[in-house]
C-alpha atoms as a PDB file:
ATOM      1  CA  MET A   1     -12.732  47.717   8.104  1.00  0.00           C
ATOM      2  CA  ARG A   2     -12.058  45.318  11.002  1.00  0.00           C
ATOM      3  CA  ILE A   3      -8.376  44.396  11.223  1.00  0.00           C
ATOM      4  CA  ASP A   4      -6.396  41.759  13.087  1.00  0.00           C
ATOM      5  CA  ALA A   5      -3.118  43.598  13.660  1.00  0.00           C
ATOM      6  CA  HIS A   6      -0.994  40.584  14.579  1.00  0.00           C
ATOM      7  CA  GLN A   7      -0.887  37.058  13.175  1.00  0.00           C
ATOM      8  CA  HIS A   8       1.634  34.670  11.608  1.00  0.00           C
ATOM      9  CA  PHE A   9       2.056  32.263   8.715  1.00  0.00           C
ATOM     10  CA  TRP A  10       4.667  29.564   8.272  1.00  0.00           C
ATOM     11  CA  SER A  11       5.614  26.418   6.425  1.00  0.00           C
ATOM     12  CA  TYR A  12       6.691  24.297   9.366  1.00  0.00           C
ATOM     13  CA  GLN A  13      10.368  23.303   9.437  1.00  0.00           C
ATOM     14  CA  PRO A  14      11.442  21.456  12.624  1.00  0.00           C
ATOM     15  CA  ILE A  15      15.038  22.688  12.672  1.00  0.00           C
ATOM     16  CA  ARG A  16      14.256  26.311  11.836  1.00  0.00           C
ATOM     17  CA  ASP A  17      11.183  26.406  14.058  1.00  0.00           C
ATOM     18  CA  SER A  18      12.830  24.869  17.114  1.00  0.00           C
ATOM     19  CA  TRP A  19      11.042  27.404  19.325  1.00  0.00           C
ATOM     20  CA  ILE A  20       7.947  25.231  18.849  1.00  0.00           C
ATOM     21  CA  THR A  21       8.541  22.721  21.624  1.00  0.00           C
ATOM     22  CA  ASP A  22       6.904  19.320  22.173  1.00  0.00           C
ATOM     23  CA  GLY A  23       4.444  21.029  24.491  1.00  0.00           C
ATOM     24  CA  MET A  24       3.328  23.147  21.540  1.00  0.00           C
ATOM     25  CA  SER A  25       2.649  20.267  19.148  1.00  0.00           C
ATOM     26  CA  ALA A  26      -0.526  21.936  17.823  1.00  0.00           C
ATOM     27  CA  LEU A  27       1.759  24.394  16.010  1.00  0.00           C
ATOM     28  CA  LYS A  28       3.900  21.750  14.311  1.00  0.00           C
ATOM     29  CA  ARG A  29       2.239  22.085  10.935  1.00  0.00           C
ATOM     30  CA  ASP A  30       1.804  24.575   8.120  1.00  0.00           C
ATOM     31  CA  PHE A  31      -0.330  27.681   8.631  1.00  0.00           C
ATOM     32  CA  PHE A  32      -1.308  29.611   5.498  1.00  0.00           C
ATOM     33  CA  PRO A  33      -3.888  32.264   4.570  1.00  0.00           C
ATOM     34  CA  GLU A  34      -6.371  29.645   3.394  1.00  0.00           C
ATOM     35  CA  HIS A  35      -6.348  28.157   6.901  1.00  0.00           C
ATOM     36  CA  LEU A  36      -7.039  31.526   8.520  1.00  0.00           C
ATOM     37  CA  LEU A  37      -9.641  32.858   6.096  1.00  0.00           C
ATOM     38  CA  PRO A  38     -12.614  30.863   7.487  1.00  0.00           C
ATOM     39  CA  GLU A  39     -11.791  32.159  10.965  1.00  0.00           C
ATOM     40  CA  LEU A  40     -11.664  35.742   9.711  1.00  0.00           C
ATOM     41  CA  ARG A  41     -15.011  35.415   7.971  1.00  0.00           C
ATOM     42  CA  SER A  42     -16.654  33.832  10.998  1.00  0.00           C
ATOM     43  CA  ALA A  43     -15.397  36.583  13.312  1.00  0.00           C
ATOM     44  CA  GLY A  44     -16.145  39.442  10.907  1.00  0.00           C
ATOM     45  CA  ILE A  45     -12.487  40.384  10.427  1.00  0.00           C
ATOM     46  CA  ASP A  46     -11.683  41.910   7.025  1.00  0.00           C
ATOM     47  CA  GLY A  47      -7.901  41.704   6.934  1.00  0.00           C
ATOM     48  CA  THR A  48      -4.697  41.173   8.874  1.00  0.00           C
ATOM     49  CA  ILE A  49      -1.133  42.252   9.498  1.00  0.00           C
ATOM     50  CA  ALA A  50       1.182  39.284   8.921  1.00  0.00           C
ATOM     51  CA  VAL A  51       4.129  39.412  11.335  1.00  0.00           C
ATOM     52  CA  GLN A  52       7.479  37.649  11.059  1.00  0.00           C
ATOM     53  CA  ALA A  53       8.155  34.547  13.136  1.00  0.00           C
ATOM     54  CA  ASP A  54      11.641  33.763  11.824  1.00  0.00           C
ATOM     55  CA  GLN A  55      14.632  36.104  11.755  1.00  0.00           C
ATOM     56  CA  SER A  56      15.613  35.991   8.109  1.00  0.00           C
ATOM     57  CA  GLU A  57      15.063  38.084   5.025  1.00  0.00           C
ATOM     58  CA  GLU A  58      13.649  34.957   3.396  1.00  0.00           C
ATOM     59  CA  GLU A  59      10.848  35.114   5.968  1.00  0.00           C
ATOM     60  CA  THR A  60      10.150  38.692   4.920  1.00  0.00           C
ATOM     61  CA  ARG A  61      10.045  37.716   1.250  1.00  0.00           C
ATOM     62  CA  PHE A  62       7.801  34.735   2.105  1.00  0.00           C
ATOM     63  CA  LEU A  63       5.245  37.011   3.767  1.00  0.00           C
ATOM     64  CA  LEU A  64       5.420  39.532   0.933  1.00  0.00           C
ATOM     65  CA  ARG A  65       4.744  36.785  -1.603  1.00  0.00           C
ATOM     66  CA  LEU A  66       1.693  35.737   0.390  1.00  0.00           C
ATOM     67  CA  ALA A  67       0.504  39.349   0.522  1.00  0.00           C
ATOM     68  CA  GLU A  68       0.708  39.576  -3.268  1.00  0.00           C
ATOM     69  CA  LYS A  69      -1.646  36.608  -3.607  1.00  0.00           C
ATOM     70  CA  HIS A  70      -4.064  37.153  -0.723  1.00  0.00           C
ATOM     71  CA  HIS A  71      -5.988  40.409  -0.348  1.00  0.00           C
ATOM     72  CA  SER A  72      -6.767  39.602   3.275  1.00  0.00           C
ATOM     73  CA  ILE A  73      -3.121  40.417   4.124  1.00  0.00           C
ATOM     74  CA  LEU A  74      -3.195  44.192   4.417  1.00  0.00           C
ATOM     75  CA  GLY A  75       0.352  44.658   5.631  1.00  0.00           C
ATOM     76  CA  VAL A  76       3.535  42.820   6.556  1.00  0.00           C
ATOM     77  CA  VAL A  77       5.914  43.262   9.492  1.00  0.00           C
ATOM     78  CA  GLY A  78       9.128  41.617   8.362  1.00  0.00           C
ATOM     79  CA  TRP A  79      12.663  41.137   9.599  1.00  0.00           C
ATOM     80  CA  VAL A  80      15.950  42.609   8.487  1.00  0.00           C
ATOM     81  CA  ASP A  81      19.234  42.691  10.367  1.00  0.00           C
ATOM     82  CA  LEU A  82      19.103  46.186  11.816  1.00  0.00           C
ATOM     83  CA  ARG A  83      22.632  45.692  13.170  1.00  0.00           C
ATOM     84  CA  ALA A  84      24.207  45.015   9.772  1.00  0.00           C
ATOM     85  CA  PRO A  85      26.776  47.514   8.442  1.00  0.00           C
ATOM     86  CA  GLY A  86      24.856  47.629   5.163  1.00  0.00           C
ATOM     87  CA  ILE A  87      21.427  48.146   6.726  1.00  0.00           C
ATOM     88  CA  ALA A  88      20.773  51.388   4.817  1.00  0.00           C
ATOM     89  CA  ASP A  89      21.028  49.530   1.521  1.00  0.00           C
ATOM     90  CA  ARG A  90      18.797  46.696   2.737  1.00  0.00           C
ATOM     91  CA  LEU A  91      16.091  49.100   3.877  1.00  0.00           C
ATOM     92  CA  ASP A  92      16.303  50.950   0.592  1.00  0.00           C
ATOM     93  CA  HIS A  93      15.791  47.620  -1.174  1.00  0.00           C
ATOM     94  CA  PHE A  94      12.662  46.873   0.832  1.00  0.00           C
ATOM     95  CA  ARG A  95      11.109  50.271   0.076  1.00  0.00           C
ATOM     96  CA  GLN A  96       9.812  48.855  -3.221  1.00  0.00           C
ATOM     97  CA  PHE A  97       7.279  46.600  -1.464  1.00  0.00           C
ATOM     98  CA  ARG A  98       4.004  48.392  -0.773  1.00  0.00           C
ATOM     99  CA  ALA A  99       2.777  45.735   1.635  1.00  0.00           C
ATOM    100  CA  LEU A 100       5.820  46.032   3.907  1.00  0.00           C
ATOM    101  CA  SER A 101       4.829  48.263   6.796  1.00  0.00           C
ATOM    102  CA  GLY A 102       7.668  47.721   9.232  1.00  0.00           C
ATOM    103  CA  PHE A 103      10.059  45.378  10.973  1.00  0.00           C
ATOM    104  CA  ARG A 104      10.456  43.351  14.150  1.00  0.00           C
ATOM    105  CA  HIS A 105      13.294  41.645  15.993  1.00  0.00           C
ATOM    106  CA  ILE A 106      12.597  38.865  18.505  1.00  0.00           C
ATOM    107  CA  ALA A 107      14.271  40.804  21.298  1.00  0.00           C
ATOM    108  CA  GLN A 108      12.586  38.680  23.965  1.00  0.00           C
ATOM    109  CA  ALA A 109      14.975  35.854  23.021  1.00  0.00           C
ATOM    110  CA  GLU A 110      18.133  37.944  23.409  1.00  0.00           C
ATOM    111  CA  PRO A 111      20.175  37.071  26.526  1.00  0.00           C
ATOM    112  CA  ASP A 112      21.040  40.738  27.021  1.00  0.00           C
ATOM    113  CA  ASP A 113      18.019  42.492  28.537  1.00  0.00           C
ATOM    114  CA  ARG A 114      19.381  45.774  27.193  1.00  0.00           C
ATOM    115  CA  PHE A 115      19.781  44.489  23.634  1.00  0.00           C
ATOM    116  CA  LEU A 116      17.475  47.226  22.309  1.00  0.00           C
ATOM    117  CA  LEU A 117      20.031  49.820  23.390  1.00  0.00           C
ATOM    118  CA  ARG A 118      23.009  48.338  21.575  1.00  0.00           C
ATOM    119  CA  ALA A 119      24.679  50.989  19.435  1.00  0.00           C
ATOM    120  CA  ASP A 120      24.531  48.897  16.257  1.00  0.00           C
ATOM    121  CA  PHE A 121      20.848  48.074  16.762  1.00  0.00           C
ATOM    122  CA  ARG A 122      19.916  51.683  17.477  1.00  0.00           C
ATOM    123  CA  ARG A 123      21.741  52.760  14.342  1.00  0.00           C
ATOM    124  CA  GLY A 124      19.308  50.609  12.377  1.00  0.00           C
ATOM    125  CA  ILE A 125      16.320  51.899  14.315  1.00  0.00           C
ATOM    126  CA  ALA A 126      17.352  55.463  13.505  1.00  0.00           C
ATOM    127  CA  LEU A 127      16.996  54.720   9.782  1.00  0.00           C
ATOM    128  CA  LEU A 128      13.434  53.376   9.986  1.00  0.00           C
ATOM    129  CA  ALA A 129      11.743  56.733  10.571  1.00  0.00           C
ATOM    130  CA  GLU A 130      13.479  58.230   7.537  1.00  0.00           C
ATOM    131  CA  LEU A 131      11.834  55.566   5.352  1.00  0.00           C
ATOM    132  CA  ASP A 132       8.492  55.606   7.183  1.00  0.00           C
ATOM    133  CA  PHE A 133       8.814  52.060   8.553  1.00  0.00           C
ATOM    134  CA  THR A 134       7.296  51.050  11.896  1.00  0.00           C
ATOM    135  CA  TYR A 135       8.948  48.901  14.542  1.00  0.00           C
ATOM    136  CA  ASP A 136       7.286  46.165  16.642  1.00  0.00           C
ATOM    137  CA  ILE A 137       8.740  45.713  20.135  1.00  0.00           C
ATOM    138  CA  LEU A 138       8.629  42.069  21.290  1.00  0.00           C
ATOM    139  CA  ILE A 139       9.894  41.805  24.859  1.00  0.00           C
ATOM    140  CA  TYR A 140       9.300  40.413  28.333  1.00  0.00           C
ATOM    141  CA  PRO A 141       8.557  42.698  31.306  1.00  0.00           C
ATOM    142  CA  ARG A 142      12.178  42.596  32.474  1.00  0.00           C
ATOM    143  CA  GLN A 143      13.180  44.253  29.191  1.00  0.00           C
ATOM    144  CA  LEU A 144      10.760  47.169  29.557  1.00  0.00           C
ATOM    145  CA  PRO A 145      13.383  49.538  31.042  1.00  0.00           C
ATOM    146  CA  ALA A 146      15.434  49.205  27.842  1.00  0.00           C
ATOM    147  CA  ALA A 147      12.323  49.784  25.713  1.00  0.00           C
ATOM    148  CA  ILE A 148      11.531  52.947  27.685  1.00  0.00           C
ATOM    149  CA  GLU A 149      15.008  54.296  26.929  1.00  0.00           C
ATOM    150  CA  LEU A 150      14.784  53.263  23.281  1.00  0.00           C
ATOM    151  CA  VAL A 151      11.528  55.066  22.502  1.00  0.00           C
ATOM    152  CA  ALA A 152      12.707  58.179  24.334  1.00  0.00           C
ATOM    153  CA  ALA A 153      15.899  58.239  22.273  1.00  0.00           C
ATOM    154  CA  HIS A 154      13.972  57.952  18.972  1.00  0.00           C
ATOM    155  CA  PRO A 155      10.954  60.285  19.272  1.00  0.00           C
ATOM    156  CA  ARG A 156      10.387  60.381  15.488  1.00  0.00           C
ATOM    157  CA  GLN A 157      10.109  56.602  15.222  1.00  0.00           C
ATOM    158  CA  THR A 158       6.719  54.922  15.646  1.00  0.00           C
ATOM    159  CA  PHE A 159       6.753  51.849  17.892  1.00  0.00           C
ATOM    160  CA  VAL A 160       4.154  49.259  18.834  1.00  0.00           C
ATOM    161  CA  VAL A 161       4.436  46.952  21.837  1.00  0.00           C
ATOM    162  CA  ASP A 162       3.442  43.394  20.997  1.00  0.00           C
ATOM    163  CA  HIS A 163       1.384  41.334  23.462  1.00  0.00           C
ATOM    164  CA  LEU A 164       1.359  44.048  26.173  1.00  0.00           C
ATOM    165  CA  ALA A 165       5.055  43.151  26.751  1.00  0.00           C
ATOM    166  CA  LYS A 166       3.916  39.735  28.003  1.00  0.00           C
ATOM    167  CA  PRO A 167       2.762  40.374  31.591  1.00  0.00           C
ATOM    168  CA  GLU A 168       2.876  37.386  33.945  1.00  0.00           C
ATOM    169  CA  ILE A 169      -0.840  36.606  33.801  1.00  0.00           C
ATOM    170  CA  ARG A 170      -0.423  32.952  34.741  1.00  0.00           C
ATOM    171  CA  ALA A 171       1.221  34.000  38.008  1.00  0.00           C
ATOM    172  CA  ARG A 172      -1.340  36.822  38.484  1.00  0.00           C
ATOM    173  CA  LYS A 173       1.595  39.202  38.859  1.00  0.00           C
ATOM    174  CA  LEU A 174       0.882  42.836  38.053  1.00  0.00           C
ATOM    175  CA  GLN A 175       4.015  44.642  39.230  1.00  0.00           C
ATOM    176  CA  PRO A 176       6.505  45.847  38.175  1.00  0.00           C
ATOM    177  CA  TRP A 177       4.981  45.350  34.703  1.00  0.00           C
ATOM    178  CA  ALA A 178       2.126  47.795  35.345  1.00  0.00           C
ATOM    179  CA  ARG A 179       4.433  50.580  36.539  1.00  0.00           C
ATOM    180  CA  LEU A 180       6.798  50.110  33.622  1.00  0.00           C
ATOM    181  CA  ILE A 181       4.105  49.862  30.949  1.00  0.00           C
ATOM    182  CA  ARG A 182       2.634  53.137  32.210  1.00  0.00           C
ATOM    183  CA  GLU A 183       6.056  54.736  31.903  1.00  0.00           C
ATOM    184  CA  LEU A 184       6.458  53.386  28.379  1.00  0.00           C
ATOM    185  CA  ALA A 185       2.990  54.605  27.405  1.00  0.00           C
ATOM    186  CA  ALA A 186       3.926  58.148  28.434  1.00  0.00           C
ATOM    187  CA  ALA A 187       5.883  58.355  25.171  1.00  0.00           C
ATOM    188  CA  PRO A 188       3.464  59.559  22.455  1.00  0.00           C
ATOM    189  CA  ASN A 189       5.253  57.601  19.706  1.00  0.00           C
ATOM    190  CA  VAL A 190       4.265  54.223  21.200  1.00  0.00           C
ATOM    191  CA  VAL A 191       1.086  52.195  20.733  1.00  0.00           C
ATOM    192  CA  CYS A 192       0.193  48.737  22.038  1.00  0.00           C
ATOM    193  CA  LYS A 193      -1.337  45.553  20.652  1.00  0.00           C
ATOM    194  CA  LEU A 194      -4.072  43.774  22.578  1.00  0.00           C
ATOM    195  CA  SER A 195      -2.602  40.437  21.579  1.00  0.00           C
ATOM    196  CA  GLY A 196      -0.946  37.330  22.963  1.00  0.00           C
ATOM    197  CA  LEU A 197      -2.966  37.323  26.175  1.00  0.00           C
ATOM    198  CA  LEU A 198      -4.233  33.744  26.210  1.00  0.00           C
ATOM    199  CA  THR A 199      -0.794  32.187  25.955  1.00  0.00           C
ATOM    200  CA  GLU A 200       0.476  34.216  28.930  1.00  0.00           C
ATOM    201  CA  ALA A 201      -2.331  32.763  31.059  1.00  0.00           C
ATOM    202  CA  ASP A 202      -3.080  29.186  32.126  1.00  0.00           C
ATOM    203  CA  TRP A 203      -3.586  27.542  28.730  1.00  0.00           C
ATOM    204  CA  ALA A 204      -6.068  24.975  29.993  1.00  0.00           C
ATOM    205  CA  GLY A 205      -7.823  26.915  32.733  1.00  0.00           C
ATOM    206  CA  TRP A 206      -7.971  30.640  31.911  1.00  0.00           C
ATOM    207  CA  ASN A 207     -11.024  32.738  32.662  1.00  0.00           C
ATOM    208  CA  PRO A 208     -11.885  35.995  30.843  1.00  0.00           C
ATOM    209  CA  LYS A 209     -11.709  37.810  34.180  1.00  0.00           C
ATOM    210  CA  ASP A 210      -8.033  36.847  34.498  1.00  0.00           C
ATOM    211  CA  PHE A 211      -7.159  39.463  31.872  1.00  0.00           C
ATOM    212  CA  ASN A 212      -9.133  42.427  33.201  1.00  0.00           C
ATOM    213  CA  PRO A 213      -6.414  43.831  35.519  1.00  0.00           C
ATOM    214  CA  TYR A 214      -3.929  43.894  32.636  1.00  0.00           C
ATOM    215  CA  LEU A 215      -6.391  45.308  30.140  1.00  0.00           C
ATOM    216  CA  ASP A 216      -7.378  47.942  32.694  1.00  0.00           C
ATOM    217  CA  VAL A 217      -3.736  49.076  32.911  1.00  0.00           C
ATOM    218  CA  VAL A 218      -3.165  49.419  29.167  1.00  0.00           C
ATOM    219  CA  PHE A 219      -6.495  51.153  28.547  1.00  0.00           C
ATOM    220  CA  GLU A 220      -5.699  53.621  31.316  1.00  0.00           C
ATOM    221  CA  SER A 221      -2.140  54.087  30.047  1.00  0.00           C
ATOM    222  CA  PHE A 222      -2.532  54.212  26.254  1.00  0.00           C
ATOM    223  CA  GLY A 223      -6.166  55.142  25.808  1.00  0.00           C
ATOM    224  CA  ALA A 224      -8.396  53.609  23.146  1.00  0.00           C
ATOM    225  CA  GLU A 225      -6.710  55.728  20.459  1.00  0.00           C
ATOM    226  CA  ARG A 226      -3.373  53.886  20.887  1.00  0.00           C
ATOM    227  CA  LEU A 227      -4.551  50.274  21.198  1.00  0.00           C
ATOM    228  CA  MET A 228      -5.171  47.708  18.474  1.00  0.00           C
ATOM    229  CA  PHE A 229      -6.578  44.198  18.447  1.00  0.00           C
ATOM    230  CA  GLY A 230      -4.320  41.307  17.432  1.00  0.00           C
ATOM    231  CA  SER A 231      -5.050  37.581  17.578  1.00  0.00           C
ATOM    232  CA  ASP A 232      -1.515  36.144  17.563  1.00  0.00           C
ATOM    233  CA  TRP A 233      -2.960  33.301  15.459  1.00  0.00           C
ATOM    234  CA  PRO A 234      -1.927  30.507  15.197  1.00  0.00           C
ATOM    235  CA  VAL A 235       0.046  30.740  18.466  1.00  0.00           C
ATOM    236  CA  CYS A 236      -3.222  31.536  20.256  1.00  0.00           C
ATOM    237  CA  LEU A 237      -4.454  28.032  19.379  1.00  0.00           C
ATOM    238  CA  LEU A 238      -2.326  26.697  22.229  1.00  0.00           C
ATOM    239  CA  ALA A 239      -4.852  28.160  24.643  1.00  0.00           C
ATOM    240  CA  GLY A 240      -8.042  28.878  22.712  1.00  0.00           C
ATOM    241  CA  THR A 241      -9.781  29.403  19.396  1.00  0.00           C
ATOM    242  CA  TYR A 242      -9.549  32.396  17.116  1.00  0.00           C
ATOM    243  CA  ARG A 243     -13.119  33.330  17.975  1.00  0.00           C
ATOM    244  CA  GLN A 244     -12.373  33.192  21.702  1.00  0.00           C
ATOM    245  CA  VAL A 245      -9.549  35.677  21.239  1.00  0.00           C
ATOM    246  CA  VAL A 246     -11.805  38.049  19.299  1.00  0.00           C
ATOM    247  CA  ASP A 247     -14.620  37.650  21.836  1.00  0.00           C
ATOM    248  CA  LEU A 248     -12.284  38.320  24.771  1.00  0.00           C
ATOM    249  CA  ILE A 249     -11.488  41.841  23.566  1.00  0.00           C
ATOM    250  CA  SER A 250     -14.963  42.432  22.127  1.00  0.00           C
ATOM    251  CA  THR A 251     -16.506  41.666  25.514  1.00  0.00           C
ATOM    252  CA  TYR A 252     -14.065  43.898  27.370  1.00  0.00           C
ATOM    253  CA  VAL A 253     -14.824  46.920  25.146  1.00  0.00           C
ATOM    254  CA  ARG A 254     -18.561  46.240  24.801  1.00  0.00           C
ATOM    255  CA  GLY A 255     -19.612  49.252  26.857  1.00  0.00           C
ATOM    256  CA  ARG A 256     -17.259  51.698  25.145  1.00  0.00           C
ATOM    257  CA  PRO A 257     -18.345  54.204  22.471  1.00  0.00           C
ATOM    258  CA  THR A 258     -18.748  52.866  18.941  1.00  0.00           C
ATOM    259  CA  GLU A 259     -15.894  55.007  17.630  1.00  0.00           C
ATOM    260  CA  GLU A 260     -13.487  53.606  20.228  1.00  0.00           C
ATOM    261  CA  ARG A 261     -14.394  50.017  19.379  1.00  0.00           C
ATOM    262  CA  ALA A 262     -13.966  50.757  15.691  1.00  0.00           C
ATOM    263  CA  ALA A 263     -10.535  52.261  16.364  1.00  0.00           C
ATOM    264  CA  ILE A 264      -9.352  49.276  18.412  1.00  0.00           C
ATOM    265  CA  PHE A 265     -10.625  46.774  15.855  1.00  0.00           C
ATOM    266  CA  GLY A 266      -9.205  48.462  12.784  1.00  0.00           C
ATOM    267  CA  GLY A 267      -8.857  52.224  12.664  1.00  0.00           C
ATOM    268  CA  ASN A 268      -5.760  52.426  14.819  1.00  0.00           C
ATOM    269  CA  ALA A 269      -4.000  49.640  12.918  1.00  0.00           C
ATOM    270  CA  ALA A 270      -4.830  51.241   9.564  1.00  0.00           C
ATOM    271  CA  ARG A 271      -3.388  54.554  10.738  1.00  0.00           C
ATOM    272  CA  PHE A 272      -0.297  53.141  12.471  1.00  0.00           C
ATOM    273  CA  TYR A 273       0.680  50.828   9.625  1.00  0.00           C
ATOM    274  CA  LYS A 274      -0.461  53.320   6.969  1.00  0.00           C
ATOM    275  CA  LEU A 275      -2.576  50.688   5.274  1.00  0.00           C
ATOM    276  CA  ARG A 276      -4.253  53.216   3.007  1.00  0.00           C
ATOM    277  CA  ALA A 277      -1.078  53.165   0.924  1.00  0.00           C
ATOM    278  CA  LEU A 278      -2.008  49.674  -0.259  1.00  0.00           C
ATOM    279  CA  SER A 279      -4.915  51.088  -2.252  1.00  0.00           C
ATOM    280  CA  ASP A 280      -2.653  53.496  -4.151  1.00  0.00           C
ATOM    281  CA  GLU A 281      -1.118  52.831  -7.537  1.00  0.00           C
ATOM    282  CA  PRO A 282       1.675  50.206  -7.467  1.00  0.00           C
ATOM    283  CA  GLY A 283       5.101  51.573  -6.764  1.00  0.00           C
ATOM    284  CA  PRO A 284       7.819  51.916  -4.143  1.00  0.00           C
ATOM    285  CA  ARG A 285       7.338  53.430  -0.691  1.00  0.00           C
ATOM    286  CA  GLN A 286       7.860  57.200  -0.662  1.00  0.00           C
END
């Protein structure tokens, strides 16, 4: 099974979705599974992981409702307030949803670069492993030091870095991102998504070769067994088509063994997000 490990859906709401600026007008509309399905079929992708784009439990329920109706959604990464005093009860509530694989917080938007290390946030993180939930790390390079401390402090928790931690591809800047991502990758409980690359480059003038130095670093650091393809659709449409995103990674891994390519384009995501559970009998997470 070929899996896109990172994409989004939304019903566009200007006030809620204020992060979509005038320069991102292509995203100011609804994006639903029926809009993505033709792209998946054309690119030979069997299913996806739908990831939260809004920080609300309603967003999580919205994605879970879509997953109930569309078999192409293999898993959901939702949002819950990990800092809330009643977080244990909220996580226990969400255990009933088979499609819910894990959670994410948009930490890149937090003014405190060490937000991930806040005591109240880490208290929530500590509960995720007990319930077998994953956590997606969404950060900028300057926040990597905090992420390194976080994953070291929670060795039983499984983490995935979204978008390679957003290296400064447009500026062709490799350091200190490369040094820090190698340090993060030294933790065995962390994997990385090959996603979000196009929008970190020059939207109108990127070249596939622009990404090779950054891909070289993560392949060297994580190895093919801890990397997974993600499109970041529809955000990727700001800089290219869905097929271009798929082809970018497909071309980079073309010379690698078949088993490595299969892992990057599905096997690793299925294992990390425990997607096999979706084929079991209905019931709560164990």
